[in-house]
Amino acid sequence: MMGLTMAQRQAVTKANATRYQRADKAGKGLILDELCATTGWHRNHARKALSQALTPRLVRPRAPRRPVYGAEIIAALAFCWAVLGAPTGKRLAPITAELVPRLRRFQELVITDDARRASRHETPGGRVHSSTRQRAVVGAGQNGGSSGSTLRPSVGVSVSSRLSVSESVDPP
């Protein structure tokens, strides 16, 4: 291969495809040799690429995914993410279960109980769905069972002091 990108190889193939269609057997062999030398492809692949280069492809747009969480939950997660100093998802997930009740206690995070249950994949009875439980069991074996999430010093004194004070303060 001569170091061509995929787009360059496709452009060369498309440029030679009309010549290939109109050529006789000897001409097709020469075009295949040129394309193989240029792209580094085998003759069989080059032949297939030349024959398919001029056929239009039907590209259908994919159906959009259904959102898992509503706007209220996404806003709450964004707030928690900002409070903790923008950690990655694997570090945000374990601390969220502890952070959300404390922020709700100080009325800094307003989220309904239904939205809270939905964010934790719980049923109204408080039972966690089996898919969430399975993911938790699968994830527990990684990193020796430790999530490695702790509050970092960069989060700020106000958040860490609020978290330590919240344990001793009763909700209003």
N, C-alpha and C. Protein backbone atom coordinates (compact mmCIF):
# COMPACT_ATOMS: atom_id res chain seq x y z
N MET A 1 0.85 -1.18 0.00
CA MET A 1 0.00 0.00 0.00
C MET A 1 0.89 1.23 0.00
N MET A 2 0.47 2.23 -0.68
CA MET A 2 1.27 3.43 -0.87
C MET A 2 0.97 4.51 0.17
N GLY A 3 0.26 4.21 1.21
CA GLY A 3 -0.03 5.18 2.24
C GLY A 3 -1.22 6.07 1.93
N LEU A 4 -2.11 5.60 1.08
CA LEU A 4 -3.31 6.38 0.76
C LEU A 4 -4.35 6.20 1.85
N THR A 5 -5.13 7.23 2.09
CA THR A 5 -6.24 7.12 3.02
C THR A 5 -7.40 6.42 2.33
N MET A 6 -8.38 6.03 3.10
CA MET A 6 -9.55 5.34 2.53
C MET A 6 -10.28 6.24 1.55
N ALA A 7 -10.39 7.50 1.86
CA ALA A 7 -11.08 8.43 0.97
C ALA A 7 -10.34 8.58 -0.35
N GLN A 8 -9.00 8.62 -0.29
CA GLN A 8 -8.21 8.71 -1.51
C GLN A 8 -8.35 7.44 -2.36
N ARG A 9 -8.36 6.28 -1.70
CA ARG A 9 -8.53 5.02 -2.44
C ARG A 9 -9.91 4.96 -3.10
N GLN A 10 -10.93 5.44 -2.40
CA GLN A 10 -12.27 5.45 -2.98
C GLN A 10 -12.34 6.40 -4.17
N ALA A 11 -11.65 7.55 -4.08
CA ALA A 11 -11.65 8.51 -5.19
C ALA A 11 -10.95 7.93 -6.41
N VAL A 12 -9.83 7.26 -6.21
CA VAL A 12 -9.10 6.64 -7.31
C VAL A 12 -9.97 5.54 -7.94
N THR A 13 -10.63 4.76 -7.11
CA THR A 13 -11.48 3.67 -7.60
C THR A 13 -12.64 4.24 -8.41
N LYS A 14 -13.27 5.28 -7.90
CA LYS A 14 -14.40 5.87 -8.61
C LYS A 14 -13.96 6.49 -9.95
N ALA A 15 -12.78 7.08 -9.97
CA ALA A 15 -12.27 7.68 -11.21
C ALA A 15 -11.99 6.61 -12.27
N ASN A 16 -11.53 5.46 -11.84
CA ASN A 16 -11.21 4.39 -12.79
C ASN A 16 -12.41 3.50 -13.12
N ALA A 17 -13.50 3.62 -12.40
CA ALA A 17 -14.64 2.71 -12.56
C ALA A 17 -15.29 2.85 -13.94
N THR A 18 -15.45 4.07 -14.44
CA THR A 18 -16.08 4.23 -15.77
C THR A 18 -15.18 3.69 -16.86
N ARG A 19 -13.86 3.92 -16.75
CA ARG A 19 -12.92 3.33 -17.71
C ARG A 19 -13.00 1.81 -17.67
N TYR A 20 -13.10 1.26 -16.47
CA TYR A 20 -13.14 -0.20 -16.30
C TYR A 20 -14.39 -0.79 -16.94
N GLN A 21 -15.54 -0.11 -16.78
CA GLN A 21 -16.79 -0.60 -17.37
C GLN A 21 -16.73 -0.65 -18.89
N ARG A 22 -16.11 0.34 -19.50
CA ARG A 22 -16.09 0.45 -20.96
C ARG A 22 -14.96 -0.36 -21.61
N ALA A 23 -13.98 -0.79 -20.83
CA ALA A 23 -12.79 -1.45 -21.41
C ALA A 23 -13.10 -2.90 -21.78
N ASP A 24 -12.26 -3.42 -22.72
CA ASP A 24 -12.35 -4.83 -23.07
C ASP A 24 -11.57 -5.63 -22.03
N LYS A 25 -11.44 -6.94 -22.25
CA LYS A 25 -10.82 -7.80 -21.25
C LYS A 25 -9.36 -7.42 -20.99
N ALA A 26 -8.62 -7.14 -22.02
CA ALA A 26 -7.21 -6.77 -21.85
C ALA A 26 -7.09 -5.42 -21.15
N GLY A 27 -7.96 -4.47 -21.48
CA GLY A 27 -7.96 -3.16 -20.84
C GLY A 27 -8.34 -3.25 -19.36
N LYS A 28 -9.29 -4.13 -19.04
CA LYS A 28 -9.67 -4.33 -17.64
C LYS A 28 -8.50 -4.86 -16.83
N GLY A 29 -7.71 -5.74 -17.43
CA GLY A 29 -6.55 -6.27 -16.74
C GLY A 29 -5.53 -5.19 -16.43
N LEU A 30 -5.31 -4.29 -17.38
CA LEU A 30 -4.37 -3.18 -17.15
C LEU A 30 -4.87 -2.23 -16.06
N ILE A 31 -6.17 -1.94 -16.11
CA ILE A 31 -6.75 -1.05 -15.09
C ILE A 31 -6.64 -1.70 -13.70
N LEU A 32 -6.90 -3.00 -13.63
CA LEU A 32 -6.76 -3.71 -12.35
C LEU A 32 -5.32 -3.64 -11.85
N ASP A 33 -4.35 -3.84 -12.76
CA ASP A 33 -2.94 -3.77 -12.37
C ASP A 33 -2.59 -2.38 -11.83
N GLU A 34 -3.07 -1.34 -12.51
CA GLU A 34 -2.81 0.04 -12.06
C GLU A 34 -3.41 0.28 -10.67
N LEU A 35 -4.66 -0.15 -10.50
CA LEU A 35 -5.35 0.08 -9.22
C LEU A 35 -4.68 -0.70 -8.09
N CYS A 36 -4.26 -1.92 -8.37
CA CYS A 36 -3.57 -2.72 -7.35
C CYS A 36 -2.25 -2.09 -6.96
N ALA A 37 -1.53 -1.55 -7.95
CA ALA A 37 -0.25 -0.90 -7.65
C ALA A 37 -0.46 0.39 -6.85
N THR A 38 -1.53 1.11 -7.15
CA THR A 38 -1.79 2.38 -6.47
C THR A 38 -2.28 2.18 -5.05
N THR A 39 -3.23 1.25 -4.87
CA THR A 39 -3.89 1.10 -3.58
C THR A 39 -3.30 0.01 -2.70
N GLY A 40 -2.61 -0.96 -3.31
CA GLY A 40 -2.09 -2.07 -2.52
C GLY A 40 -3.11 -3.19 -2.33
N TRP A 41 -4.23 -3.11 -3.02
CA TRP A 41 -5.26 -4.13 -2.92
C TRP A 41 -4.89 -5.36 -3.74
N HIS A 42 -5.52 -6.49 -3.45
CA HIS A 42 -5.42 -7.68 -4.29
C HIS A 42 -6.34 -7.48 -5.49
N ARG A 43 -6.09 -8.24 -6.54
CA ARG A 43 -6.87 -8.07 -7.77
C ARG A 43 -8.36 -8.34 -7.56
N ASN A 44 -8.67 -9.36 -6.77
CA ASN A 44 -10.08 -9.71 -6.56
C ASN A 44 -10.81 -8.56 -5.83
N HIS A 45 -10.17 -7.99 -4.84
CA HIS A 45 -10.79 -6.88 -4.11
C HIS A 45 -10.92 -5.66 -5.02
N ALA A 46 -9.89 -5.39 -5.80
CA ALA A 46 -9.94 -4.24 -6.72
C ALA A 46 -11.05 -4.42 -7.75
N ARG A 47 -11.22 -5.64 -8.26
CA ARG A 47 -12.29 -5.91 -9.23
C ARG A 47 -13.66 -5.65 -8.61
N LYS A 48 -13.87 -6.12 -7.39
CA LYS A 48 -15.15 -5.90 -6.71
C LYS A 48 -15.37 -4.41 -6.42
N ALA A 49 -14.31 -3.73 -6.00
CA ALA A 49 -14.43 -2.30 -5.69
C ALA A 49 -14.77 -1.50 -6.94
N LEU A 50 -14.17 -1.85 -8.07
CA LEU A 50 -14.47 -1.15 -9.33
C LEU A 50 -15.91 -1.40 -9.79
N SER A 51 -16.39 -2.62 -9.62
CA SER A 51 -17.76 -2.90 -10.06
C SER A 51 -18.79 -2.26 -9.13
N GLN A 52 -18.46 -2.06 -7.87
CA GLN A 52 -19.41 -1.47 -6.92
C GLN A 52 -19.29 0.05 -6.82
N ALA A 53 -18.26 0.63 -7.40
CA ALA A 53 -18.01 2.07 -7.24
C ALA A 53 -19.09 2.93 -7.86
N LEU A 54 -19.71 2.47 -8.93
CA LEU A 54 -20.71 3.28 -9.62
C LEU A 54 -22.14 2.95 -9.23
N THR A 55 -22.36 1.93 -8.43
CA THR A 55 -23.72 1.61 -8.01
C THR A 55 -24.10 2.49 -6.83
N PRO A 56 -25.24 3.14 -6.91
CA PRO A 56 -25.66 4.01 -5.79
C PRO A 56 -26.03 3.16 -4.57
N ARG A 57 -25.67 3.67 -3.41
CA ARG A 57 -25.98 2.97 -2.16
C ARG A 57 -27.12 3.69 -1.46
N LEU A 58 -28.04 2.91 -0.97
CA LEU A 58 -29.16 3.46 -0.22
C LEU A 58 -28.74 3.59 1.24
N VAL A 59 -28.68 4.80 1.71
CA VAL A 59 -28.30 5.06 3.09
C VAL A 59 -29.52 5.58 3.82
N ARG A 60 -30.01 4.78 4.74
CA ARG A 60 -31.18 5.18 5.53
C ARG A 60 -30.72 5.73 6.87
N PRO A 61 -31.28 6.84 7.29
CA PRO A 61 -30.89 7.36 8.61
C PRO A 61 -31.40 6.43 9.71
N ARG A 62 -30.58 6.28 10.72
CA ARG A 62 -30.96 5.43 11.85
C ARG A 62 -32.04 6.10 12.68
N ALA A 63 -32.88 5.29 13.27
CA ALA A 63 -33.90 5.82 14.17
C ALA A 63 -33.20 6.34 15.43
N PRO A 64 -33.61 7.49 15.93
CA PRO A 64 -32.95 8.01 17.14
C PRO A 64 -33.28 7.13 18.35
N ARG A 65 -32.35 7.07 19.27
CA ARG A 65 -32.56 6.29 20.49
C ARG A 65 -33.58 6.97 21.38
N ARG A 66 -34.31 6.16 22.10
CA ARG A 66 -35.20 6.72 23.11
C ARG A 66 -34.35 7.21 24.27
N PRO A 67 -34.63 8.40 24.79
CA PRO A 67 -33.83 8.87 25.92
C PRO A 67 -34.08 8.01 27.16
N VAL A 68 -33.01 7.70 27.88
CA VAL A 68 -33.12 6.90 29.09
C VAL A 68 -33.60 7.76 30.25
N TYR A 69 -33.08 8.97 30.32
CA TYR A 69 -33.42 9.87 31.42
C TYR A 69 -34.12 11.11 30.90
N GLY A 70 -34.97 11.68 31.74
CA GLY A 70 -35.68 12.89 31.38
C GLY A 70 -34.82 14.13 31.60
N ALA A 71 -35.37 15.26 31.25
CA ALA A 71 -34.64 16.52 31.36
C ALA A 71 -34.32 16.86 32.82
N GLU A 72 -35.22 16.50 33.73
CA GLU A 72 -34.99 16.79 35.15
C GLU A 72 -33.77 16.03 35.68
N ILE A 73 -33.66 14.77 35.30
CA ILE A 73 -32.54 13.95 35.77
C ILE A 73 -31.23 14.42 35.14
N ILE A 74 -31.27 14.76 33.87
CA ILE A 74 -30.06 15.22 33.20
C ILE A 74 -29.57 16.52 33.82
N ALA A 75 -30.49 17.42 34.15
CA ALA A 75 -30.10 18.67 34.81
C ALA A 75 -29.50 18.40 36.19
N ALA A 76 -30.08 17.46 36.93
CA ALA A 76 -29.56 17.12 38.25
C ALA A 76 -28.18 16.49 38.15
N LEU A 77 -27.98 15.60 37.18
CA LEU A 77 -26.67 14.99 36.99
C LEU A 77 -25.62 16.02 36.58
N ALA A 78 -26.01 16.97 35.74
CA ALA A 78 -25.09 18.02 35.33
C ALA A 78 -24.69 18.88 36.53
N PHE A 79 -25.65 19.14 37.42
CA PHE A 79 -25.35 19.92 38.62
C PHE A 79 -24.38 19.16 39.52
N CYS A 80 -24.65 17.87 39.75
CA CYS A 80 -23.75 17.05 40.59
C CYS A 80 -22.36 16.97 39.97
N TRP A 81 -22.31 16.83 38.66
CA TRP A 81 -21.05 16.77 37.94
C TRP A 81 -20.26 18.05 38.15
N ALA A 82 -20.94 19.20 38.08
CA ALA A 82 -20.26 20.49 38.26
C ALA A 82 -19.81 20.68 39.70
N VAL A 83 -20.62 20.25 40.67
CA VAL A 83 -20.27 20.40 42.08
C VAL A 83 -19.01 19.60 42.41
N LEU A 84 -18.86 18.43 41.80
CA LEU A 84 -17.72 17.58 42.11
C LEU A 84 -16.48 17.91 41.29
N GLY A 85 -16.54 18.91 40.45
CA GLY A 85 -15.37 19.30 39.68
C GLY A 85 -15.22 18.54 38.38
N ALA A 86 -16.31 18.13 37.77
CA ALA A 86 -16.35 17.48 36.46
C ALA A 86 -15.58 16.16 36.41
N PRO A 87 -15.90 15.20 37.28
CA PRO A 87 -15.21 13.90 37.21
C PRO A 87 -15.75 13.06 36.06
N THR A 88 -15.03 12.01 35.71
CA THR A 88 -15.50 11.10 34.68
C THR A 88 -16.69 10.31 35.20
N GLY A 89 -17.41 9.64 34.31
CA GLY A 89 -18.61 8.91 34.69
C GLY A 89 -18.36 7.83 35.71
N LYS A 90 -17.23 7.11 35.58
CA LYS A 90 -16.96 6.03 36.52
C LYS A 90 -16.66 6.56 37.92
N ARG A 91 -16.21 7.80 38.01
CA ARG A 91 -15.97 8.39 39.32
C ARG A 91 -17.21 9.11 39.85
N LEU A 92 -18.06 9.57 38.95
CA LEU A 92 -19.28 10.27 39.33
C LEU A 92 -20.33 9.30 39.86
N ALA A 93 -20.46 8.15 39.23
CA ALA A 93 -21.54 7.22 39.56
C ALA A 93 -21.53 6.77 41.03
N PRO A 94 -20.40 6.35 41.61
CA PRO A 94 -20.45 5.87 43.00
C PRO A 94 -20.77 6.97 44.00
N ILE A 95 -20.30 8.18 43.77
CA ILE A 95 -20.49 9.26 44.74
C ILE A 95 -21.88 9.89 44.61
N THR A 96 -22.54 9.71 43.48
CA THR A 96 -23.85 10.32 43.26
C THR A 96 -24.87 9.82 44.27
N ALA A 97 -24.81 8.52 44.61
CA ALA A 97 -25.76 7.97 45.58
C ALA A 97 -25.62 8.64 46.94
N GLU A 98 -24.45 9.11 47.27
CA GLU A 98 -24.22 9.78 48.54
C GLU A 98 -24.46 11.29 48.42
N LEU A 99 -24.12 11.86 47.26
CA LEU A 99 -24.18 13.30 47.08
C LEU A 99 -25.61 13.82 46.94
N VAL A 100 -26.44 13.09 46.18
CA VAL A 100 -27.80 13.57 45.89
C VAL A 100 -28.62 13.76 47.16
N PRO A 101 -28.68 12.79 48.09
CA PRO A 101 -29.46 13.04 49.32
C PRO A 101 -28.95 14.22 50.14
N ARG A 102 -27.63 14.44 50.14
CA ARG A 102 -27.09 15.56 50.91
C ARG A 102 -27.43 16.89 50.26
N LEU A 103 -27.34 16.94 48.94
CA LEU A 103 -27.72 18.19 48.26
C LEU A 103 -29.22 18.45 48.40
N ARG A 104 -30.01 17.39 48.39
CA ARG A 104 -31.46 17.56 48.59
C ARG A 104 -31.76 18.04 50.00
N ARG A 105 -31.00 17.56 50.97
CA ARG A 105 -31.21 17.95 52.35
C ARG A 105 -30.99 19.45 52.54
N PHE A 106 -30.02 20.01 51.84
CA PHE A 106 -29.74 21.44 51.91
C PHE A 106 -30.52 22.23 50.87
N GLN A 107 -31.41 21.57 50.17
CA GLN A 107 -32.29 22.16 49.16
C GLN A 107 -31.50 22.86 48.06
N GLU A 108 -30.33 22.33 47.75
CA GLU A 108 -29.55 22.85 46.63
C GLU A 108 -29.84 22.07 45.35
N LEU A 109 -30.43 20.90 45.50
CA LEU A 109 -30.80 20.09 44.36
C LEU A 109 -32.27 19.72 44.54
N VAL A 110 -33.09 20.16 43.61
CA VAL A 110 -34.52 19.89 43.68
C VAL A 110 -34.83 18.84 42.63
N ILE A 111 -35.20 17.65 43.11
CA ILE A 111 -35.54 16.54 42.22
C ILE A 111 -36.65 15.74 42.90
N THR A 112 -37.63 15.34 42.13
CA THR A 112 -38.76 14.60 42.71
C THR A 112 -38.33 13.18 43.03
N ASP A 113 -39.10 12.54 43.91
CA ASP A 113 -38.79 11.15 44.28
C ASP A 113 -38.93 10.21 43.09
N ASP A 114 -39.92 10.47 42.22
CA ASP A 114 -40.08 9.63 41.03
C ASP A 114 -38.87 9.74 40.11
N ALA A 115 -38.37 10.94 39.94
CA ALA A 115 -37.19 11.12 39.09
C ALA A 115 -35.96 10.49 39.74
N ARG A 116 -35.87 10.58 41.05
CA ARG A 116 -34.74 9.96 41.75
C ARG A 116 -34.78 8.46 41.58
N ARG A 117 -35.98 7.86 41.72
CA ARG A 117 -36.12 6.42 41.52
C ARG A 117 -35.77 6.02 40.10
N ALA A 118 -36.20 6.83 39.13
CA ALA A 118 -35.92 6.53 37.74
C ALA A 118 -34.43 6.62 37.45
N SER A 119 -33.75 7.54 38.11
CA SER A 119 -32.31 7.68 37.87
C SER A 119 -31.54 6.50 38.45
N ARG A 120 -32.12 5.83 39.44
CA ARG A 120 -31.46 4.67 40.04
C ARG A 120 -32.03 3.37 39.50
N HIS A 121 -32.92 3.43 38.49
CA HIS A 121 -33.55 2.25 37.88
C HIS A 121 -34.31 1.44 38.93
N GLU A 122 -35.04 2.13 39.81
CA GLU A 122 -35.81 1.43 40.84
C GLU A 122 -37.28 1.43 40.46
N THR A 123 -37.98 0.45 40.99
CA THR A 123 -39.43 0.41 40.87
C THR A 123 -40.00 1.23 42.02
N PRO A 124 -41.29 1.59 41.98
CA PRO A 124 -41.85 2.38 43.08
C PRO A 124 -41.73 1.69 44.44
N GLY A 125 -41.63 0.37 44.49
CA GLY A 125 -41.47 -0.35 45.75
C GLY A 125 -40.05 -0.28 46.29
N GLY A 126 -39.13 0.29 45.53
CA GLY A 126 -37.76 0.42 46.00
C GLY A 126 -36.85 -0.70 45.52
N ARG A 127 -37.38 -1.63 44.71
CA ARG A 127 -36.58 -2.75 44.23
C ARG A 127 -35.79 -2.33 43.00
N VAL A 128 -34.52 -2.64 42.96
CA VAL A 128 -33.68 -2.28 41.82
C VAL A 128 -33.92 -3.29 40.71
N HIS A 129 -34.02 -2.78 39.46
CA HIS A 129 -34.23 -3.67 38.33
C HIS A 129 -33.07 -4.64 38.20
N SER A 130 -33.35 -5.83 37.66
CA SER A 130 -32.33 -6.86 37.55
C SER A 130 -31.20 -6.44 36.61
N SER A 131 -31.49 -5.66 35.56
CA SER A 131 -30.42 -5.26 34.64
C SER A 131 -29.40 -4.39 35.36
N THR A 132 -29.85 -3.51 36.26
CA THR A 132 -28.95 -2.66 37.01
C THR A 132 -28.14 -3.51 37.99
N ARG A 133 -28.81 -4.48 38.61
CA ARG A 133 -28.13 -5.34 39.56
C ARG A 133 -27.05 -6.15 38.84
N GLN A 134 -27.35 -6.63 37.65
CA GLN A 134 -26.38 -7.41 36.89
C GLN A 134 -25.19 -6.55 36.52
N ARG A 135 -25.43 -5.30 36.11
CA ARG A 135 -24.33 -4.43 35.77
C ARG A 135 -23.47 -4.14 36.99
N ALA A 136 -24.09 -4.02 38.16
CA ALA A 136 -23.33 -3.75 39.37
C ALA A 136 -22.46 -4.95 39.73
N VAL A 137 -22.99 -6.17 39.54
CA VAL A 137 -22.23 -7.36 39.85
C VAL A 137 -21.07 -7.51 38.87
N VAL A 138 -21.30 -7.25 37.59
CA VAL A 138 -20.25 -7.34 36.59
C VAL A 138 -19.17 -6.31 36.87
N GLY A 139 -19.56 -5.10 37.22
CA GLY A 139 -18.60 -4.04 37.46
C GLY A 139 -17.84 -4.19 38.76
N ALA A 140 -18.36 -4.99 39.71
CA ALA A 140 -17.71 -5.13 41.00
C ALA A 140 -16.39 -5.87 40.90
N GLY A 141 -16.24 -6.71 39.90
CA GLY A 141 -15.01 -7.48 39.77
C GLY A 141 -13.86 -6.68 39.19
N GLN A 142 -14.13 -5.55 38.61
CA GLN A 142 -13.08 -4.75 38.01
C GLN A 142 -12.36 -3.94 39.08
N ASN A 143 -11.08 -3.73 38.87
CA ASN A 143 -10.25 -2.93 39.78
C ASN A 143 -10.27 -3.48 41.20
N GLY A 144 -10.36 -4.78 41.34
CA GLY A 144 -10.32 -5.38 42.66
C GLY A 144 -11.51 -5.03 43.51
N GLY A 145 -12.65 -4.68 42.92
CA GLY A 145 -13.85 -4.36 43.67
C GLY A 145 -13.87 -2.93 44.18
N SER A 146 -12.83 -2.18 43.93
CA SER A 146 -12.75 -0.80 44.39
C SER A 146 -13.10 0.14 43.26
N SER A 147 -13.95 1.10 43.53
CA SER A 147 -14.31 2.04 42.48
C SER A 147 -13.27 3.14 42.33
N GLY A 148 -12.46 3.35 43.37
CA GLY A 148 -11.42 4.36 43.30
C GLY A 148 -11.95 5.77 43.34
N SER A 149 -13.20 5.96 43.77
CA SER A 149 -13.76 7.30 43.76
C SER A 149 -13.68 7.91 45.15
N THR A 150 -13.08 9.03 45.23
CA THR A 150 -13.02 9.78 46.47
C THR A 150 -13.22 11.24 46.12
N LEU A 151 -13.59 12.03 47.11
CA LEU A 151 -13.68 13.46 46.87
C LEU A 151 -12.27 14.01 46.78
N ARG A 152 -11.98 14.68 45.70
CA ARG A 152 -10.64 15.21 45.49
C ARG A 152 -10.51 16.56 46.18
N PRO A 153 -9.30 16.94 46.54
CA PRO A 153 -9.11 18.26 47.15
C PRO A 153 -9.50 19.39 46.21
N SER A 154 -9.46 19.16 44.90
CA SER A 154 -9.77 20.23 43.96
C SER A 154 -11.26 20.57 43.93
N VAL A 155 -12.09 19.74 44.57
CA VAL A 155 -13.52 20.00 44.58
C VAL A 155 -13.81 21.29 45.32
N GLY A 156 -13.08 21.54 46.38
CA GLY A 156 -13.26 22.80 47.10
C GLY A 156 -13.65 22.58 48.54
N VAL A 157 -13.29 23.52 49.36
CA VAL A 157 -13.56 23.42 50.78
C VAL A 157 -15.04 23.50 51.07
N SER A 158 -15.77 24.31 50.31
CA SER A 158 -17.19 24.51 50.60
C SER A 158 -17.97 23.21 50.44
N VAL A 159 -17.66 22.43 49.40
CA VAL A 159 -18.39 21.18 49.19
C VAL A 159 -18.00 20.15 50.23
N SER A 160 -16.70 20.01 50.51
CA SER A 160 -16.27 19.00 51.47
C SER A 160 -16.76 19.34 52.88
N SER A 161 -16.77 20.64 53.25
CA SER A 161 -17.26 21.00 54.57
C SER A 161 -18.77 20.82 54.64
N ARG A 162 -19.48 21.08 53.54
CA ARG A 162 -20.92 20.90 53.51
C ARG A 162 -21.26 19.42 53.68
N LEU A 163 -20.47 18.56 53.04
CA LEU A 163 -20.73 17.13 53.14
C LEU A 163 -20.48 16.62 54.54
N SER A 164 -19.45 17.10 55.21
CA SER A 164 -19.18 16.63 56.56
C SER A 164 -20.18 17.21 57.56
N VAL A 165 -20.62 18.44 57.35
CA VAL A 165 -21.59 19.06 58.26
C VAL A 165 -22.96 18.44 58.08
N SER A 166 -23.30 18.00 56.88
CA SER A 166 -24.64 17.51 56.60
C SER A 166 -24.99 16.27 57.40
N GLU A 167 -24.00 15.53 57.81
CA GLU A 167 -24.29 14.32 58.59
C GLU A 167 -24.82 14.65 59.96
N SER A 168 -24.40 15.79 60.52
CA SER A 168 -24.84 16.13 61.88
C SER A 168 -26.04 17.06 61.91
N VAL A 169 -26.40 17.63 60.78
CA VAL A 169 -27.49 18.60 60.76
C VAL A 169 -28.77 17.91 60.32
N ASP A 170 -29.85 18.14 61.02
CA ASP A 170 -31.14 17.59 60.64
C ASP A 170 -31.75 18.44 59.54
N PRO A 171 -32.52 17.83 58.68
CA PRO A 171 -33.14 18.62 57.63
C PRO A 171 -34.16 19.58 58.20
N PRO A 172 -34.31 20.76 57.56
CA PRO A 172 -35.25 21.78 58.09
C PRO A 172 -36.69 21.34 58.00
